[in-house]
């Protein structure tokens, strides 16, 4: 009988907390840049792109740390 790979579905507590803290730290650092940019950029379209970039970079940081911390639960992962 052939065996198939089945992932464990684990989400270690240390990994989940680290990924959450990384997301919070990234959001706090980006929030300073974001707030200055929103005030000083007069073009609405650039503000929209900046908002998308803010969310994308924060999401990437959480996903990257989640992958490094070996979080394998589907709700925590961005990629399959």
N, C-alpha and C. Protein backbone atom coordinates (compact mmCIF):
# COMPACT_ATOMS: atom_id res chain seq x y z
N UNK A 1 0.84 -1.17 0.00
CA UNK A 1 0.00 0.00 0.00
C UNK A 1 0.90 1.24 0.00
N UNK A 2 0.61 2.15 -0.90
CA UNK A 2 1.42 3.37 -1.02
C UNK A 2 0.97 4.39 0.03
N UNK A 3 1.94 5.01 0.63
CA UNK A 3 1.64 6.05 1.60
C UNK A 3 1.67 7.40 0.92
N UNK A 4 0.77 8.28 1.32
CA UNK A 4 0.70 9.62 0.76
C UNK A 4 1.07 10.61 1.85
N UNK A 5 1.63 11.72 1.42
CA UNK A 5 2.00 12.77 2.38
C UNK A 5 0.75 13.47 2.87
N UNK A 6 0.65 13.62 4.16
CA UNK A 6 -0.41 14.42 4.78
C UNK A 6 0.25 15.35 5.78
N UNK A 7 0.06 16.64 5.56
CA UNK A 7 0.69 17.57 6.49
C UNK A 7 0.03 17.49 7.85
N UNK A 8 0.77 17.90 8.85
CA UNK A 8 0.32 17.71 10.22
C UNK A 8 -0.79 18.67 10.63
N UNK A 9 -0.89 19.81 9.97
CA UNK A 9 -1.89 20.79 10.36
C UNK A 9 -1.53 21.50 11.65
N UNK A 10 -0.26 21.47 12.02
CA UNK A 10 0.19 22.06 13.27
C UNK A 10 0.31 23.57 13.16
N UNK A 11 0.08 24.21 14.27
CA UNK A 11 0.35 25.64 14.42
C UNK A 11 0.99 25.82 15.79
N UNK A 12 2.33 25.69 15.86
CA UNK A 12 2.98 25.81 17.16
C UNK A 12 2.69 27.17 17.80
N UNK A 13 2.50 27.18 19.10
CA UNK A 13 2.15 28.41 19.81
C UNK A 13 3.24 29.46 19.63
N UNK A 14 4.50 29.05 19.73
CA UNK A 14 5.60 30.00 19.57
C UNK A 14 5.59 30.58 18.15
N UNK A 15 5.34 29.76 17.16
CA UNK A 15 5.30 30.23 15.78
C UNK A 15 4.16 31.20 15.53
N UNK A 16 2.99 30.87 16.06
CA UNK A 16 1.83 31.75 15.86
C UNK A 16 2.03 33.09 16.56
N UNK A 17 2.58 33.06 17.76
CA UNK A 17 2.82 34.31 18.49
C UNK A 17 3.90 35.13 17.79
N UNK A 18 4.95 34.47 17.31
CA UNK A 18 6.02 35.18 16.61
C UNK A 18 5.51 35.82 15.32
N UNK A 19 4.70 35.10 14.57
CA UNK A 19 4.14 35.66 13.34
C UNK A 19 3.22 36.84 13.64
N UNK A 20 2.43 36.73 14.71
CA UNK A 20 1.55 37.84 15.08
C UNK A 20 2.36 39.06 15.53
N UNK A 21 3.40 38.84 16.32
CA UNK A 21 4.24 39.95 16.76
C UNK A 21 4.99 40.58 15.60
N UNK A 22 5.40 39.76 14.64
CA UNK A 22 6.06 40.31 13.44
C UNK A 22 5.10 41.19 12.66
N UNK A 23 3.85 40.75 12.55
CA UNK A 23 2.85 41.56 11.85
C UNK A 23 2.57 42.87 12.57
N UNK A 24 2.51 42.81 13.89
CA UNK A 24 2.28 44.03 14.67
C UNK A 24 3.45 44.98 14.53
N UNK A 25 4.67 44.45 14.63
CA UNK A 25 5.87 45.29 14.51
C UNK A 25 5.95 45.92 13.12
N UNK A 26 5.67 45.13 12.09
CA UNK A 26 5.71 45.64 10.72
C UNK A 26 4.64 46.72 10.53
N UNK A 27 3.46 46.47 11.05
CA UNK A 27 2.38 47.46 10.91
C UNK A 27 2.71 48.75 11.65
N UNK A 28 3.32 48.65 12.81
CA UNK A 28 3.69 49.86 13.57
C UNK A 28 4.75 50.67 12.83
N UNK A 29 5.75 49.99 12.29
CA UNK A 29 6.79 50.70 11.55
C UNK A 29 6.24 51.34 10.28
N UNK A 30 5.42 50.59 9.57
CA UNK A 30 4.85 51.12 8.34
C UNK A 30 3.81 52.21 8.60
N UNK A 31 3.18 52.17 9.76
CA UNK A 31 2.16 53.17 10.08
C UNK A 31 2.75 54.57 10.17
N UNK A 32 3.98 54.67 10.66
CA UNK A 32 4.63 55.98 10.74
C UNK A 32 4.84 56.55 9.33
N UNK A 33 5.39 55.72 8.45
CA UNK A 33 5.63 56.15 7.07
C UNK A 33 4.30 56.44 6.38
N UNK A 34 3.33 55.59 6.61
CA UNK A 34 2.01 55.73 5.99
C UNK A 34 1.34 57.03 6.41
N UNK A 35 1.42 57.35 7.70
CA UNK A 35 0.74 58.57 8.18
C UNK A 35 1.37 59.83 7.58
N UNK A 36 2.70 59.87 7.51
CA UNK A 36 3.34 61.03 6.88
C UNK A 36 3.01 61.11 5.40
N UNK A 37 3.00 59.98 4.73
CA UNK A 37 2.72 59.97 3.29
C UNK A 37 1.29 60.40 3.00
N UNK A 38 0.33 59.94 3.80
CA UNK A 38 -1.07 60.32 3.59
C UNK A 38 -1.24 61.83 3.75
N UNK A 39 -0.53 62.41 4.69
CA UNK A 39 -0.65 63.86 4.92
C UNK A 39 0.00 64.65 3.79
N UNK A 40 1.16 64.21 3.32
CA UNK A 40 1.94 65.02 2.39
C UNK A 40 1.73 64.71 0.92
N UNK A 41 1.11 63.58 0.57
CA UNK A 41 0.87 63.27 -0.84
C UNK A 41 -0.51 63.80 -1.22
N UNK A 42 -0.57 64.73 -2.16
CA UNK A 42 -1.86 65.35 -2.49
C UNK A 42 -2.70 64.51 -3.48
N UNK A 43 -2.15 63.48 -4.07
CA UNK A 43 -2.86 62.72 -5.09
C UNK A 43 -3.60 61.54 -4.46
N UNK A 44 -4.89 61.48 -4.68
CA UNK A 44 -5.71 60.43 -4.09
C UNK A 44 -5.31 59.05 -4.59
N UNK A 45 -4.98 58.95 -5.87
CA UNK A 45 -4.63 57.65 -6.44
C UNK A 45 -3.36 57.09 -5.82
N UNK A 46 -2.40 57.93 -5.50
CA UNK A 46 -1.19 57.46 -4.82
C UNK A 46 -1.50 57.00 -3.40
N UNK A 47 -2.45 57.66 -2.77
CA UNK A 47 -2.86 57.24 -1.43
C UNK A 47 -3.51 55.86 -1.46
N UNK A 48 -4.28 55.59 -2.49
CA UNK A 48 -4.90 54.27 -2.63
C UNK A 48 -3.83 53.22 -2.84
N UNK A 49 -2.86 53.50 -3.70
CA UNK A 49 -1.76 52.55 -3.91
C UNK A 49 -0.94 52.36 -2.64
N UNK A 50 -0.76 53.42 -1.90
CA UNK A 50 -0.03 53.33 -0.64
C UNK A 50 -0.77 52.45 0.37
N UNK A 51 -2.08 52.57 0.40
CA UNK A 51 -2.89 51.73 1.29
C UNK A 51 -2.77 50.27 0.92
N UNK A 52 -2.82 49.97 -0.38
CA UNK A 52 -2.66 48.59 -0.84
C UNK A 52 -1.26 48.06 -0.51
N UNK A 53 -0.25 48.88 -0.69
CA UNK A 53 1.12 48.47 -0.37
C UNK A 53 1.28 48.21 1.13
N UNK A 54 0.68 49.04 1.95
CA UNK A 54 0.73 48.87 3.40
C UNK A 54 0.17 47.50 3.80
N UNK A 55 -1.00 47.18 3.29
CA UNK A 55 -1.61 45.89 3.60
C UNK A 55 -0.83 44.72 3.03
N UNK A 56 -0.31 44.89 1.82
CA UNK A 56 0.45 43.82 1.19
C UNK A 56 1.75 43.52 1.91
N UNK A 57 2.47 44.56 2.31
CA UNK A 57 3.74 44.36 3.00
C UNK A 57 3.51 43.76 4.38
N UNK A 58 2.49 44.21 5.07
CA UNK A 58 2.18 43.63 6.38
C UNK A 58 1.78 42.16 6.24
N UNK A 59 0.96 41.86 5.27
CA UNK A 59 0.57 40.47 5.02
C UNK A 59 1.74 39.60 4.63
N UNK A 60 2.64 40.14 3.81
CA UNK A 60 3.82 39.38 3.43
C UNK A 60 4.70 39.09 4.63
N UNK A 61 4.85 40.04 5.54
CA UNK A 61 5.67 39.83 6.73
C UNK A 61 5.09 38.72 7.60
N UNK A 62 3.78 38.72 7.79
CA UNK A 62 3.15 37.68 8.60
C UNK A 62 3.29 36.32 7.91
N UNK A 63 3.08 36.26 6.60
CA UNK A 63 3.21 35.00 5.87
C UNK A 63 4.64 34.49 5.89
N UNK A 64 5.61 35.39 5.75
CA UNK A 64 7.02 34.98 5.74
C UNK A 64 7.42 34.41 7.10
N UNK A 65 7.05 35.11 8.18
CA UNK A 65 7.36 34.60 9.50
C UNK A 65 6.59 33.32 9.80
N UNK A 66 5.37 33.22 9.33
CA UNK A 66 4.61 31.99 9.52
C UNK A 66 5.25 30.81 8.83
N UNK A 67 5.79 31.03 7.65
CA UNK A 67 6.47 29.97 6.93
C UNK A 67 7.77 29.59 7.65
N UNK A 68 8.50 30.57 8.13
CA UNK A 68 9.76 30.31 8.83
C UNK A 68 9.52 29.59 10.16
N UNK A 69 8.38 29.86 10.78
CA UNK A 69 8.06 29.24 12.06
C UNK A 69 7.28 27.93 11.90
N UNK A 70 7.16 27.49 10.65
CA UNK A 70 6.55 26.20 10.32
C UNK A 70 5.10 26.07 10.77
N UNK A 71 4.32 27.11 10.51
CA UNK A 71 2.88 27.04 10.76
C UNK A 71 2.24 26.34 9.57
N UNK A 72 1.56 25.25 9.83
CA UNK A 72 1.02 24.43 8.74
C UNK A 72 -0.50 24.36 8.71
N UNK A 73 -1.17 25.04 9.60
CA UNK A 73 -2.63 25.04 9.61
C UNK A 73 -3.14 25.90 8.45
N UNK A 74 -4.15 25.43 7.78
CA UNK A 74 -4.68 26.16 6.63
C UNK A 74 -5.16 27.57 6.94
N UNK A 75 -5.86 27.82 8.05
CA UNK A 75 -6.29 29.21 8.30
C UNK A 75 -5.15 30.19 8.48
N UNK A 76 -3.96 29.71 8.85
CA UNK A 76 -2.84 30.57 9.09
C UNK A 76 -1.98 30.78 7.85
N UNK A 77 -2.16 29.95 6.84
CA UNK A 77 -1.30 30.01 5.67
C UNK A 77 -1.92 30.85 4.57
N UNK A 78 -1.07 31.50 3.79
CA UNK A 78 -1.54 32.25 2.61
C UNK A 78 -1.43 31.39 1.37
N UNK A 79 -0.43 30.52 1.36
CA UNK A 79 -0.20 29.66 0.19
C UNK A 79 -0.55 28.23 0.54
N UNK A 80 -0.88 27.45 -0.47
CA UNK A 80 -1.21 26.04 -0.21
C UNK A 80 0.01 25.16 -0.25
